[in-house]
Amino acid sequence: MILLTGATGTVGGLVARRLSGVTPVRLLTRDPGRLTAGTRVEVVGADFGDPRSLERALTGVRSALLVTTDPLTHAHDEHFLAAARRAGVRHVVKLSALAVADPEATDLITTWQRGNEQLLCESGLLWTVLRPRAFMSNTLGWARSVREDGVVRAPDASSANATIDPRDIAEVAAAALCDPDGHAGRTHPLTGPQAISAAEQTAVLASLLQRPVRFVELTPDEAHRALRARYPAQLADALMESAARGRSGAKTRVDPTTAELLGRPARTYRQWAADHLDAFGG
């Protein structure tokens, strides 16, 4: 049995679809009503804040995907790993971030991920760490303004990032979950095939949509206010620190690991955008 956390999110949901019907899968969620059980797929309710519920959910599981999303606490990872040990789980695949490998990255979010990786590596369980660069799907945040106004509003027009298609992350995660011995003790840096800027992504969307899409660059103050409207101040500040590293070129390196693990080139932003063009009014 393979257990997936984050099944209502981007990567967890994609892994669930890849494994559905292939191997028995258990989807862990706080709200079971949001997910549908199916052939060889069961849904269980549990909460990272409730260790007993986690242990019940993990009973009978051999491999698990761990996706946590609250940078203001390490308790969720601590609770999950302790419950996994008690339940006899053999292998945990952790979704982290490539910034962890950058010693200059000391923002709150990266420090949190770094600490969570350490918890996993010291847990006594077999482990695999996935460190992706930014998701190409983050640009879905532009979808409404592209549809309605033909505009992308974002900071740092020329900052390049070796963004990755979440489907490629999910494919690697599924392979690791199904083959613990082949991936145990390994950290996989995952990037796309090229570093691309927000302005270049906007041009790709315009080309695919066959209509003009303008890029309007936000000032740092405007970008910070937009983040503060969505996140607690500590997280907004951390994201601004991350953006500053991006402006320095810290996120441009393309790593060959994704292609090596998949046995094919990593998907480009153009491929991702073409497959999601409806969201942008295509």
C-alpha atoms as a PDB file:
ATOM      1  CA  MET A   1       0.000   0.000   0.000  1.00  0.00           C
ATOM      2  CA  ILE A   2       1.243   3.494  -0.908  1.00  0.00           C
ATOM      3  CA  LEU A   3      -0.063   6.495   1.021  1.00  0.00           C
ATOM      4  CA  LEU A   4      -0.162   9.987  -0.468  1.00  0.00           C
ATOM      5  CA  THR A   5      -0.455  13.243   1.422  1.00  0.00           C
ATOM      6  CA  GLY A   6      -1.181  16.420  -0.520  1.00  0.00           C
ATOM      7  CA  ALA A   7      -3.596  14.558  -2.791  1.00  0.00           C
ATOM      8  CA  THR A   8      -5.785  17.659  -3.187  1.00  0.00           C
ATOM      9  CA  GLY A   9      -2.726  19.678  -4.221  1.00  0.00           C
ATOM     10  CA  THR A  10      -0.661  19.894  -7.379  1.00  0.00           C
ATOM     11  CA  VAL A  11       1.976  17.162  -7.082  1.00  0.00           C
ATOM     12  CA  GLY A  12       0.044  14.841  -4.765  1.00  0.00           C
ATOM     13  CA  GLY A  13      -2.957  14.914  -7.071  1.00  0.00           C
ATOM     14  CA  LEU A  14      -0.833  14.120 -10.109  1.00  0.00           C
ATOM     15  CA  VAL A  15       0.864  11.218  -8.296  1.00  0.00           C
ATOM     16  CA  ALA A  16      -2.550   9.885  -7.303  1.00  0.00           C
ATOM     17  CA  ARG A  17      -3.653   9.889 -10.933  1.00  0.00           C
ATOM     18  CA  ARG A  18      -0.445   8.165 -12.056  1.00  0.00           C
ATOM     19  CA  LEU A  19      -0.765   5.380  -9.479  1.00  0.00           C
ATOM     20  CA  SER A  20      -4.544   4.925  -9.618  1.00  0.00           C
ATOM     21  CA  GLY A  21      -5.332   1.429 -10.854  1.00  0.00           C
ATOM     22  CA  VAL A  22      -1.630   0.507 -10.892  1.00  0.00           C
ATOM     23  CA  THR A  23      -1.081  -0.263  -7.208  1.00  0.00           C
ATOM     24  CA  PRO A  24      -3.167   0.049  -4.028  1.00  0.00           C
ATOM     25  CA  VAL A  25      -3.190   3.712  -2.991  1.00  0.00           C
ATOM     26  CA  ARG A  26      -4.466   5.435   0.137  1.00  0.00           C
ATOM     27  CA  LEU A  27      -5.155   9.182  -0.009  1.00  0.00           C
ATOM     28  CA  LEU A  28      -4.805  11.082   3.259  1.00  0.00           C
ATOM     29  CA  THR A  29      -6.837  14.266   3.650  1.00  0.00           C
ATOM     30  CA  ARG A  30      -8.387  16.345   6.406  1.00  0.00           C
ATOM     31  CA  ASP A  31     -11.637  16.434   4.419  1.00  0.00           C
ATOM     32  CA  PRO A  32     -12.430  13.036   2.860  1.00  0.00           C
ATOM     33  CA  GLY A  33     -15.382  14.574   1.034  1.00  0.00           C
ATOM     34  CA  ARG A  34     -12.968  16.349  -1.309  1.00  0.00           C
ATOM     35  CA  LEU A  35     -11.629  13.103  -2.775  1.00  0.00           C
ATOM     36  CA  THR A  36     -13.246  10.111  -4.419  1.00  0.00           C
ATOM     37  CA  ALA A  37     -12.281   6.508  -3.767  1.00  0.00           C
ATOM     38  CA  GLY A  38     -11.978   4.180  -6.726  1.00  0.00           C
ATOM     39  CA  THR A  39     -10.466   0.961  -7.975  1.00  0.00           C
ATOM     40  CA  ARG A  40      -7.548   0.197  -5.644  1.00  0.00           C
ATOM     41  CA  VAL A  41      -7.857   3.729  -4.204  1.00  0.00           C
ATOM     42  CA  GLU A  42      -9.120   4.464  -0.706  1.00  0.00           C
ATOM     43  CA  VAL A  43      -9.558   7.789   1.082  1.00  0.00           C
ATOM     44  CA  VAL A  44      -8.795   8.263   4.776  1.00  0.00           C
ATOM     45  CA  GLY A  45      -9.340  11.258   7.018  1.00  0.00           C
ATOM     46  CA  ALA A  46      -6.404  12.373   9.148  1.00  0.00           C
ATOM     47  CA  ASP A  47      -4.705  15.567  10.282  1.00  0.00           C
ATOM     48  CA  PHE A  48      -1.023  16.434  10.643  1.00  0.00           C
ATOM     49  CA  GLY A  49      -1.890  17.904  14.013  1.00  0.00           C
ATOM     50  CA  ASP A  50      -3.383  14.623  15.256  1.00  0.00           C
ATOM     51  CA  PRO A  51      -0.677  11.918  15.602  1.00  0.00           C
ATOM     52  CA  ARG A  52      -3.185   9.172  16.391  1.00  0.00           C
ATOM     53  CA  SER A  53      -5.121   9.813  13.197  1.00  0.00           C
ATOM     54  CA  LEU A  54      -1.866   9.690  11.250  1.00  0.00           C
ATOM     55  CA  GLU A  55      -0.889   6.352  12.779  1.00  0.00           C
ATOM     56  CA  ARG A  56      -4.276   4.865  11.866  1.00  0.00           C
ATOM     57  CA  ALA A  57      -3.930   6.151   8.305  1.00  0.00           C
ATOM     58  CA  LEU A  58      -0.383   4.794   7.972  1.00  0.00           C
ATOM     59  CA  THR A  59      -1.124   1.283   9.228  1.00  0.00           C
ATOM     60  CA  GLY A  60      -0.444  -1.218   6.447  1.00  0.00           C
ATOM     61  CA  VAL A  61       1.496   1.315   4.345  1.00  0.00           C
ATOM     62  CA  ARG A  62       4.942   0.462   2.922  1.00  0.00           C
ATOM     63  CA  SER A  63       5.780   3.770   1.148  1.00  0.00           C
ATOM     64  CA  ALA A  64       4.426   7.280   1.657  1.00  0.00           C
ATOM     65  CA  LEU A  65       4.629  10.649  -0.071  1.00  0.00           C
ATOM     66  CA  LEU A  66       5.060  13.474   2.439  1.00  0.00           C
ATOM     67  CA  VAL A  67       3.937  16.942   1.361  1.00  0.00           C
ATOM     68  CA  THR A  68       3.631  19.596   4.072  1.00  0.00           C
ATOM     69  CA  THR A  69       2.708  23.222   3.461  1.00  0.00           C
ATOM     70  CA  ASP A  70       2.968  25.239   6.687  1.00  0.00           C
ATOM     71  CA  PRO A  71       6.414  26.872   7.010  1.00  0.00           C
ATOM     72  CA  LEU A  72       5.516  28.154  10.466  1.00  0.00           C
ATOM     73  CA  THR A  73       5.784  24.705  12.089  1.00  0.00           C
ATOM     74  CA  HIS A  74       7.936  21.565  11.971  1.00  0.00           C
ATOM     75  CA  ALA A  75       5.328  19.673  13.993  1.00  0.00           C
ATOM     76  CA  HIS A  76       3.563  18.314  10.916  1.00  0.00           C
ATOM     77  CA  ASP A  77       6.676  16.520   9.669  1.00  0.00           C
ATOM     78  CA  GLU A  78       7.579  15.412  13.186  1.00  0.00           C
ATOM     79  CA  HIS A  79       4.114  13.951  13.774  1.00  0.00           C
ATOM     80  CA  PHE A  80       4.018  12.208  10.399  1.00  0.00           C
ATOM     81  CA  LEU A  81       7.461  10.619  10.718  1.00  0.00           C
ATOM     82  CA  ALA A  82       6.834   9.451  14.275  1.00  0.00           C
ATOM     83  CA  ALA A  83       3.520   7.909  13.217  1.00  0.00           C
ATOM     84  CA  ALA A  84       5.192   6.294  10.191  1.00  0.00           C
ATOM     85  CA  ARG A  85       7.764   4.634  12.438  1.00  0.00           C
ATOM     86  CA  ARG A  86       5.098   3.329  14.804  1.00  0.00           C
ATOM     87  CA  ALA A  87       2.992   2.034  11.919  1.00  0.00           C
ATOM     88  CA  GLY A  88       5.905   0.170  10.330  1.00  0.00           C
ATOM     89  CA  VAL A  89       6.201   2.291   7.183  1.00  0.00           C
ATOM     90  CA  ARG A  90       9.403   1.411   5.321  1.00  0.00           C
ATOM     91  CA  HIS A  91      10.040   4.373   2.998  1.00  0.00           C
ATOM     92  CA  VAL A  92       9.079   8.070   2.842  1.00  0.00           C
ATOM     93  CA  VAL A  93       9.411  10.285  -0.236  1.00  0.00           C
ATOM     94  CA  LYS A  94       9.580  13.950   0.799  1.00  0.00           C
ATOM     95  CA  LEU A  95       8.698  16.894  -1.455  1.00  0.00           C
ATOM     96  CA  SER A  96      11.171  19.656  -0.593  1.00  0.00           C
ATOM     97  CA  ALA A  97      12.717  22.474  -2.678  1.00  0.00           C
ATOM     98  CA  LEU A  98      15.938  22.990  -4.596  1.00  0.00           C
ATOM     99  CA  ALA A  99      16.718  26.159  -2.653  1.00  0.00           C
ATOM    100  CA  VAL A 100      17.733  23.894   0.252  1.00  0.00           C
ATOM    101  CA  ALA A 101      20.955  23.135  -1.636  1.00  0.00           C
ATOM    102  CA  ASP A 102      21.869  26.855  -1.796  1.00  0.00           C
ATOM    103  CA  PRO A 103      23.827  27.915   1.322  1.00  0.00           C
ATOM    104  CA  GLU A 104      22.924  31.525   0.554  1.00  0.00           C
ATOM    105  CA  ALA A 105      19.218  30.703   0.869  1.00  0.00           C
ATOM    106  CA  THR A 106      18.373  31.485   4.491  1.00  0.00           C
ATOM    107  CA  ASP A 107      14.770  32.678   4.205  1.00  0.00           C
ATOM    108  CA  LEU A 108      12.094  31.237   6.484  1.00  0.00           C
ATOM    109  CA  ILE A 109      10.615  28.849   3.913  1.00  0.00           C
ATOM    110  CA  THR A 110      13.946  27.362   2.832  1.00  0.00           C
ATOM    111  CA  THR A 111      15.126  27.039   6.428  1.00  0.00           C
ATOM    112  CA  TRP A 112      11.884  25.186   7.208  1.00  0.00           C
ATOM    113  CA  GLN A 113      12.390  22.783   4.306  1.00  0.00           C
ATOM    114  CA  ARG A 114      16.022  22.245   5.307  1.00  0.00           C
ATOM    115  CA  GLY A 115      14.944  21.348   8.828  1.00  0.00           C
ATOM    116  CA  ASN A 116      12.271  18.980   7.572  1.00  0.00           C
ATOM    117  CA  GLU A 117      14.791  17.178   5.380  1.00  0.00           C
ATOM    118  CA  GLN A 118      16.997  16.713   8.430  1.00  0.00           C
ATOM    119  CA  LEU A 119      14.077  15.273  10.400  1.00  0.00           C
ATOM    120  CA  LEU A 120      13.485  12.740   7.646  1.00  0.00           C
ATOM    121  CA  CYS A 121      17.125  11.753   7.247  1.00  0.00           C
ATOM    122  CA  GLU A 122      17.411  11.206  10.997  1.00  0.00           C
ATOM    123  CA  SER A 123      14.095   9.328  11.281  1.00  0.00           C
ATOM    124  CA  GLY A 124      15.504   5.832  10.825  1.00  0.00           C
ATOM    125  CA  LEU A 125      13.218   5.294   7.820  1.00  0.00           C
ATOM    126  CA  LEU A 126      14.339   4.767   4.260  1.00  0.00           C
ATOM    127  CA  TRP A 127      14.022   8.151   2.575  1.00  0.00           C
ATOM    128  CA  THR A 128      14.069   9.907  -0.775  1.00  0.00           C
ATOM    129  CA  VAL A 129      14.061  13.707  -1.105  1.00  0.00           C
ATOM    130  CA  LEU A 130      12.699  15.503  -4.169  1.00  0.00           C
ATOM    131  CA  ARG A 131      14.019  19.047  -4.619  1.00  0.00           C
ATOM    132  CA  PRO A 132      12.195  20.746  -7.499  1.00  0.00           C
ATOM    133  CA  ARG A 133      12.652  24.261  -8.777  1.00  0.00           C
ATOM    134  CA  ALA A 134       9.513  26.434  -9.073  1.00  0.00           C
ATOM    135  CA  PHE A 135       6.452  24.798 -10.650  1.00  0.00           C
ATOM    136  CA  MET A 136       5.466  25.888 -14.149  1.00  0.00           C
ATOM    137  CA  SER A 137       1.886  25.702 -12.901  1.00  0.00           C
ATOM    138  CA  ASN A 138       2.530  28.722 -10.665  1.00  0.00           C
ATOM    139  CA  THR A 139       1.762  30.812 -13.745  1.00  0.00           C
ATOM    140  CA  LEU A 140      -1.882  29.728 -13.453  1.00  0.00           C
ATOM    141  CA  GLY A 141      -2.000  32.666 -11.055  1.00  0.00           C
ATOM    142  CA  TRP A 142      -1.915  34.839 -14.168  1.00  0.00           C
ATOM    143  CA  ALA A 143      -4.811  33.063 -15.857  1.00  0.00           C
ATOM    144  CA  ARG A 144      -7.617  35.444 -14.946  1.00  0.00           C
ATOM    145  CA  SER A 145      -5.768  38.608 -15.933  1.00  0.00           C
ATOM    146  CA  VAL A 146      -4.651  36.989 -19.204  1.00  0.00           C
ATOM    147  CA  ARG A 147      -8.217  35.917 -20.013  1.00  0.00           C
ATOM    148  CA  GLU A 148      -9.869  39.188 -19.055  1.00  0.00           C
ATOM    149  CA  ASP A 149      -7.246  41.847 -19.807  1.00  0.00           C
ATOM    150  CA  GLY A 150      -4.523  40.219 -21.886  1.00  0.00           C
ATOM    151  CA  VAL A 151      -2.025  41.187 -19.190  1.00  0.00           C
ATOM    152  CA  VAL A 152       0.457  39.469 -16.896  1.00  0.00           C
ATOM    153  CA  ARG A 153       1.291  41.486 -13.798  1.00  0.00           C
ATOM    154  CA  ALA A 154       4.342  40.155 -11.977  1.00  0.00           C
ATOM    155  CA  PRO A 155       7.674  41.301 -10.564  1.00  0.00           C
ATOM    156  CA  ASP A 156      11.143  40.689 -11.944  1.00  0.00           C
ATOM    157  CA  ALA A 157      10.481  40.473 -15.667  1.00  0.00           C
ATOM    158  CA  SER A 158      13.947  39.211 -16.530  1.00  0.00           C
ATOM    159  CA  SER A 159      14.678  36.890 -13.572  1.00  0.00           C
ATOM    160  CA  ALA A 160      15.143  33.416 -15.018  1.00  0.00           C
ATOM    161  CA  ASN A 161      14.155  30.228 -13.222  1.00  0.00           C
ATOM    162  CA  ALA A 162      14.667  26.619 -14.358  1.00  0.00           C
ATOM    163  CA  THR A 163      10.994  25.891 -13.702  1.00  0.00           C
ATOM    164  CA  ILE A 164       9.671  22.339 -13.900  1.00  0.00           C
ATOM    165  CA  ASP A 165       6.417  20.795 -15.051  1.00  0.00           C
ATOM    166  CA  PRO A 166       4.693  19.287 -11.978  1.00  0.00           C
ATOM    167  CA  ARG A 167       3.859  16.243 -14.084  1.00  0.00           C
ATOM    168  CA  ASP A 168       7.577  15.478 -14.280  1.00  0.00           C
ATOM    169  CA  ILE A 169       7.892  15.781 -10.497  1.00  0.00           C
ATOM    170  CA  ALA A 170       4.934  13.442 -10.090  1.00  0.00           C
ATOM    171  CA  GLU A 171       6.453  10.891 -12.445  1.00  0.00           C
ATOM    172  CA  VAL A 172       9.679  10.858 -10.445  1.00  0.00           C
ATOM    173  CA  ALA A 173       7.739  10.650  -7.171  1.00  0.00           C
ATOM    174  CA  ALA A 174       5.665   7.715  -8.425  1.00  0.00           C
ATOM    175  CA  ALA A 175       8.799   5.871  -9.528  1.00  0.00           C
ATOM    176  CA  ALA A 176      10.442   6.420  -6.135  1.00  0.00           C
ATOM    177  CA  LEU A 177       7.349   5.257  -4.259  1.00  0.00           C
ATOM    178  CA  CYS A 178       7.116   2.078  -6.319  1.00  0.00           C
ATOM    179  CA  ASP A 179      10.852   1.323  -6.142  1.00  0.00           C
ATOM    180  CA  PRO A 180      12.122   2.230  -2.667  1.00  0.00           C
ATOM    181  CA  ASP A 181      15.367   0.275  -3.033  1.00  0.00           C
ATOM    182  CA  GLY A 182      16.243   2.081  -6.250  1.00  0.00           C
ATOM    183  CA  HIS A 183      15.746   5.546  -4.755  1.00  0.00           C
ATOM    184  CA  ALA A 184      16.416   5.160  -1.020  1.00  0.00           C
ATOM    185  CA  GLY A 185      18.999   7.514   0.421  1.00  0.00           C
ATOM    186  CA  ARG A 186      18.948   9.705  -2.681  1.00  0.00           C
ATOM    187  CA  THR A 187      18.209  13.402  -3.093  1.00  0.00           C
ATOM    188  CA  HIS A 188      16.903  14.301  -6.543  1.00  0.00           C
ATOM    189  CA  PRO A 189      17.364  17.907  -7.765  1.00  0.00           C
ATOM    190  CA  LEU A 190      14.603  18.470 -10.332  1.00  0.00           C
ATOM    191  CA  THR A 191      14.511  21.259 -12.919  1.00  0.00           C
ATOM    192  CA  GLY A 192      13.059  21.887 -16.313  1.00  0.00           C
ATOM    193  CA  PRO A 193      15.187  21.894 -19.478  1.00  0.00           C
ATOM    194  CA  GLN A 194      15.832  25.639 -19.545  1.00  0.00           C
ATOM    195  CA  ALA A 195      15.814  28.717 -17.353  1.00  0.00           C
ATOM    196  CA  ILE A 196      12.977  31.009 -18.398  1.00  0.00           C
ATOM    197  CA  SER A 197      11.870  34.437 -17.184  1.00  0.00           C
ATOM    198  CA  ALA A 198       8.361  35.671 -16.493  1.00  0.00           C
ATOM    199  CA  ALA A 199       8.534  37.930 -19.529  1.00  0.00           C
ATOM    200  CA  GLU A 200       9.555  34.969 -21.697  1.00  0.00           C
ATOM    201  CA  GLN A 201       6.733  32.854 -20.281  1.00  0.00           C
ATOM    202  CA  THR A 202       4.337  35.670 -21.157  1.00  0.00           C
ATOM    203  CA  ALA A 203       5.646  35.650 -24.740  1.00  0.00           C
ATOM    204  CA  VAL A 204       5.075  31.883 -24.914  1.00  0.00           C
ATOM    205  CA  LEU A 205       1.472  32.337 -23.794  1.00  0.00           C
ATOM    206  CA  ALA A 206       0.912  35.091 -26.367  1.00  0.00           C
ATOM    207  CA  SER A 207       2.316  32.870 -29.109  1.00  0.00           C
ATOM    208  CA  LEU A 208       0.107  29.937 -28.184  1.00  0.00           C
ATOM    209  CA  LEU A 209      -2.994  32.097 -27.722  1.00  0.00           C
ATOM    210  CA  GLN A 210      -2.269  33.912 -30.995  1.00  0.00           C
ATOM    211  CA  ARG A 211      -3.129  37.241 -29.444  1.00  0.00           C
ATOM    212  CA  PRO A 212      -1.192  39.959 -27.632  1.00  0.00           C
ATOM    213  CA  VAL A 213      -0.417  39.466 -23.950  1.00  0.00           C
ATOM    214  CA  ARG A 214       1.388  42.357 -22.254  1.00  0.00           C
ATOM    215  CA  PHE A 215       3.790  42.000 -19.347  1.00  0.00           C
ATOM    216  CA  VAL A 216       3.431  44.678 -16.682  1.00  0.00           C
ATOM    217  CA  GLU A 217       6.287  44.587 -14.182  1.00  0.00           C
ATOM    218  CA  LEU A 218       5.368  45.165 -10.558  1.00  0.00           C
ATOM    219  CA  THR A 219       7.690  47.231  -8.422  1.00  0.00           C
ATOM    220  CA  PRO A 220       9.133  45.522  -5.322  1.00  0.00           C
ATOM    221  CA  ASP A 221       6.683  47.449  -3.137  1.00  0.00           C
ATOM    222  CA  GLU A 222       3.735  46.404  -5.307  1.00  0.00           C
ATOM    223  CA  ALA A 223       4.892  42.792  -5.279  1.00  0.00           C
ATOM    224  CA  HIS A 224       5.288  42.851  -1.502  1.00  0.00           C
ATOM    225  CA  ARG A 225       1.805  44.306  -1.003  1.00  0.00           C
ATOM    226  CA  ALA A 226       0.341  41.609  -3.249  1.00  0.00           C
ATOM    227  CA  LEU A 227       2.066  38.902  -1.218  1.00  0.00           C
ATOM    228  CA  ARG A 228       0.948  40.458   2.073  1.00  0.00           C
ATOM    229  CA  ALA A 229      -2.633  40.283   0.816  1.00  0.00           C
ATOM    230  CA  ARG A 230      -2.305  36.502   0.409  1.00  0.00           C
ATOM    231  CA  TYR A 231       0.115  35.352   3.101  1.00  0.00           C
ATOM    232  CA  PRO A 232       1.190  36.132   6.686  1.00  0.00           C
ATOM    233  CA  ALA A 233       3.886  38.784   6.882  1.00  0.00           C
ATOM    234  CA  GLN A 234       6.651  36.260   7.658  1.00  0.00           C
ATOM    235  CA  LEU A 235       5.906  34.246   4.538  1.00  0.00           C
ATOM    236  CA  ALA A 236       5.574  37.330   2.342  1.00  0.00           C
ATOM    237  CA  ASP A 237       8.985  38.502   3.537  1.00  0.00           C
ATOM    238  CA  ALA A 238      10.478  35.063   2.857  1.00  0.00           C
ATOM    239  CA  LEU A 239       9.101  35.071  -0.680  1.00  0.00           C
ATOM    240  CA  MET A 240      10.610  38.503  -1.273  1.00  0.00           C
ATOM    241  CA  GLU A 241      13.990  37.173  -0.094  1.00  0.00           C
ATOM    242  CA  SER A 242      13.610  34.280  -2.508  1.00  0.00           C
ATOM    243  CA  ALA A 243      12.818  36.681  -5.337  1.00  0.00           C
ATOM    244  CA  ALA A 244      15.984  38.633  -4.579  1.00  0.00           C
ATOM    245  CA  ARG A 245      18.019  35.436  -4.984  1.00  0.00           C
ATOM    246  CA  GLY A 246      16.305  34.926  -8.305  1.00  0.00           C
ATOM    247  CA  ARG A 247      17.382  38.358  -9.487  1.00  0.00           C
ATOM    248  CA  SER A 248      20.971  37.391  -8.692  1.00  0.00           C
ATOM    249  CA  GLY A 249      20.747  34.379 -11.022  1.00  0.00           C
ATOM    250  CA  ALA A 250      20.629  31.770  -8.251  1.00  0.00           C
ATOM    251  CA  LYS A 251      17.788  29.799  -9.875  1.00  0.00           C
ATOM    252  CA  THR A 252      19.010  29.443 -13.454  1.00  0.00           C
ATOM    253  CA  ARG A 253      21.027  26.223 -13.340  1.00  0.00           C
ATOM    254  CA  VAL A 254      19.534  23.337 -15.305  1.00  0.00           C
ATOM    255  CA  ASP A 255      20.174  19.983 -13.659  1.00  0.00           C
ATOM    256  CA  PRO A 256      20.250  16.781 -15.756  1.00  0.00           C
ATOM    257  CA  THR A 257      18.665  14.609 -13.043  1.00  0.00           C
ATOM    258  CA  THR A 258      15.068  14.965 -14.236  1.00  0.00           C
ATOM    259  CA  ALA A 259      15.864  13.754 -17.737  1.00  0.00           C
ATOM    260  CA  GLU A 260      18.092  10.976 -16.402  1.00  0.00           C
ATOM    261  CA  LEU A 261      15.366   9.654 -14.099  1.00  0.00           C
ATOM    262  CA  LEU A 262      12.594   9.940 -16.686  1.00  0.00           C
ATOM    263  CA  GLY A 263      14.603   8.569 -19.600  1.00  0.00           C
ATOM    264  CA  ARG A 264      13.436  11.510 -21.743  1.00  0.00           C
ATOM    265  CA  PRO A 265      13.858  15.291 -21.815  1.00  0.00           C
ATOM    266  CA  ALA A 266      12.040  17.260 -19.134  1.00  0.00           C
ATOM    267  CA  ARG A 267       8.983  19.065 -20.471  1.00  0.00           C
ATOM    268  CA  THR A 268       9.405  22.678 -21.580  1.00  0.00           C
ATOM    269  CA  TYR A 269       7.262  25.599 -20.438  1.00  0.00           C
ATOM    270  CA  ARG A 270       5.769  25.721 -23.928  1.00  0.00           C
ATOM    271  CA  GLN A 271       4.639  22.099 -23.602  1.00  0.00           C
ATOM    272  CA  TRP A 272       3.114  22.782 -20.192  1.00  0.00           C
ATOM    273  CA  ALA A 273       1.355  25.934 -21.382  1.00  0.00           C
ATOM    274  CA  ALA A 274      -0.019  24.243 -24.519  1.00  0.00           C
ATOM    275  CA  ASP A 275      -1.568  21.533 -22.336  1.00  0.00           C
ATOM    276  CA  HIS A 276      -3.167  24.103 -20.008  1.00  0.00           C
ATOM    277  CA  LEU A 277      -4.115  26.785 -22.509  1.00  0.00           C
ATOM    278  CA  ASP A 278      -7.835  26.611 -21.708  1.00  0.00           C
ATOM    279  CA  ALA A 279      -7.117  28.196 -18.330  1.00  0.00           C
ATOM    280  CA  PHE A 280      -5.720  31.263 -20.115  1.00  0.00           C
ATOM    281  CA  GLY A 281      -8.644  31.548 -22.537  1.00  0.00           C
ATOM    282  CA  GLY A 282      -7.220  29.373 -25.308  1.00  0.00           C
END
